[in-house]
Amino acid sequence: MEIANSKAPGELLNWDDIKKMNANSTQKNSEFFFEPHKFDPSRFEGSGPVPYTYVPFGGGPRMCPGKEYARLEILVFMHNLVKRFKWEKVIPGEKIVFDPMPNLEKGLPICLFPHKA
């Protein structure tokens, strides 16, 4: 919302806005990543994380060629969704199940309500 509030009505996102969106939740384990809560995309350059560390979109020679495009699309989509709608959980306190990855039992259903203009 900070980015949305800084824009004039009808003004589109620019590259500086995208760079301010710190979407970084791939891994928070300090055993594998130095300062895991700090946004640092360069941590994946060079040798990168140790083998078999979970990294969405893969790594090394099997890195998904659409990784950066997908990231850009997700950031723009989320910006517009947050800017236009208020979110409410349908099931507060929904149970987390592990199968084998942690997921919410019912898939986190939400209701979206348009922000008042």
Protein backbone atom coordinates (compact mmCIF):
# COMPACT_ATOMS: atom_id res chain seq x y z
CA MET A 1 0.00 0.00 0.00
CA GLU A 2 2.97 2.30 0.58
CA ILE A 3 3.81 2.11 -3.12
CA ALA A 4 0.18 2.50 -4.17
CA ASN A 5 -0.21 5.57 -1.93
CA SER A 6 2.87 7.19 -3.47
CA LYS A 7 1.37 7.02 -6.99
CA ALA A 8 -0.88 9.57 -8.64
CA PRO A 9 -4.31 8.28 -9.74
CA GLY A 10 -3.82 6.14 -12.85
CA GLU A 11 -0.01 6.20 -12.57
CA LEU A 12 1.53 2.83 -13.42
CA LEU A 13 4.27 0.91 -11.62
CA ASN A 14 7.84 1.55 -12.71
CA TRP A 15 11.06 -0.41 -12.21
CA ASP A 16 11.97 1.49 -9.02
CA ASP A 17 8.60 0.45 -7.52
CA ILE A 18 9.26 -3.20 -8.39
CA LYS A 19 12.70 -3.08 -6.76
CA LYS A 20 11.08 -1.91 -3.48
CA MET A 21 8.92 -5.07 -3.25
CA ASN A 22 11.04 -7.44 -1.12
CA ALA A 23 9.36 -10.76 -1.91
CA ASN A 24 11.89 -13.11 -0.34
CA SER A 25 10.54 -16.07 1.51
CA THR A 26 12.31 -19.00 -0.15
CA GLN A 27 14.33 -20.08 2.86
CA LYS A 28 14.81 -18.65 6.35
CA ASN A 29 17.21 -21.23 7.76
CA SER A 30 20.42 -19.52 8.95
CA GLU A 31 22.21 -22.88 8.65
CA PHE A 32 22.01 -22.51 4.85
CA PHE A 33 21.72 -18.73 4.32
CA PHE A 34 23.77 -15.96 5.96
CA GLU A 35 21.39 -13.32 7.43
CA PRO A 36 18.29 -15.15 6.10
CA HIS A 37 15.83 -12.34 6.95
CA LYS A 38 17.81 -9.75 4.98
CA PHE A 39 16.76 -9.20 1.35
CA ASP A 40 19.88 -10.15 -0.59
CA PRO A 41 19.31 -11.56 -4.09
CA SER A 42 23.10 -11.78 -4.58
CA ARG A 43 23.14 -14.75 -2.18
CA PHE A 44 22.17 -16.89 -5.19
CA GLU A 45 25.09 -15.69 -7.34
CA GLY A 46 28.35 -17.60 -7.61
CA SER A 47 28.27 -20.92 -5.81
CA GLY A 48 24.81 -20.20 -4.33
CA PRO A 49 23.25 -22.30 -1.57
CA VAL A 50 24.54 -25.73 -0.64
CA PRO A 51 23.28 -28.68 -2.72
CA TYR A 52 19.73 -29.91 -1.95
CA THR A 53 18.72 -26.63 -0.29
CA TYR A 54 15.10 -25.80 -1.20
CA VAL A 55 15.09 -22.98 -3.75
CA PRO A 56 11.95 -22.41 -5.85
CA PHE A 57 12.60 -22.37 -9.63
CA GLY A 58 15.64 -24.61 -9.17
CA GLY A 59 19.25 -23.60 -9.39
CA GLY A 60 22.43 -24.03 -11.39
CA PRO A 61 22.11 -25.51 -14.88
CA ARG A 62 18.47 -26.45 -14.23
CA MET A 63 17.41 -22.91 -13.28
CA CYS A 64 14.01 -22.07 -14.74
CA PRO A 65 14.54 -19.60 -17.62
CA GLY A 66 11.26 -17.86 -16.72
CA LYS A 67 12.18 -17.26 -13.06
CA GLU A 68 12.66 -13.50 -13.25
CA TYR A 69 9.65 -13.00 -15.51
CA ALA A 70 7.50 -15.04 -13.10
CA ARG A 71 8.79 -12.98 -10.16
CA LEU A 72 7.94 -9.73 -11.97
CA GLU A 73 4.45 -10.99 -12.85
CA ILE A 74 3.78 -12.08 -9.26
CA LEU A 75 4.93 -8.74 -7.82
CA VAL A 76 2.76 -6.70 -10.20
CA PHE A 77 -0.23 -8.99 -9.62
CA MET A 78 0.13 -8.80 -5.83
CA HIS A 79 0.55 -5.01 -5.93
CA ASN A 80 -2.72 -4.63 -7.83
CA LEU A 81 -4.55 -7.15 -5.66
CA VAL A 82 -3.46 -5.50 -2.39
CA LYS A 83 -4.16 -2.03 -3.77
CA ARG A 84 -7.70 -2.86 -4.85
CA PHE A 85 -8.95 -5.32 -2.21
CA LYS A 86 -9.10 -5.93 1.53
CA TRP A 87 -8.50 -9.59 2.45
CA GLU A 88 -10.25 -11.57 5.17
CA LYS A 89 -9.63 -15.20 6.07
CA VAL A 90 -12.71 -17.41 5.79
CA ILE A 91 -11.32 -19.82 8.42
CA PRO A 92 -9.39 -17.92 11.14
CA GLY A 93 -6.84 -20.14 12.87
CA GLU A 94 -6.88 -22.71 10.05
CA LYS A 95 -4.83 -25.84 10.85
CA ILE A 96 -1.46 -26.42 9.13
CA VAL A 97 -0.91 -29.95 7.78
CA PHE A 98 2.37 -31.45 6.57
CA ASP A 99 2.12 -33.59 3.41
CA PRO A 100 5.20 -33.44 2.96
CA MET A 101 5.35 -29.62 2.77
CA PRO A 102 3.43 -27.44 5.23
CA ASN A 103 0.07 -26.34 3.82
CA LEU A 104 -3.09 -24.95 5.29
CA GLU A 105 -5.71 -27.67 5.69
CA LYS A 106 -8.40 -25.99 3.56
CA GLY A 107 -6.05 -24.04 1.26
CA LEU A 108 -6.50 -20.63 2.97
CA PRO A 109 -9.84 -19.54 1.51
CA ILE A 110 -10.24 -15.76 1.61
CA CYS A 111 -12.90 -13.17 0.88
CA LEU A 112 -11.91 -10.10 -1.08
CA PHE A 113 -13.67 -6.80 -0.47
CA PRO A 114 -13.05 -3.80 -2.73
CA HIS A 115 -11.40 -0.85 -1.00
CA LYS A 116 -13.69 2.14 -0.83
CA ALA A 117 -12.64 4.70 -3.42
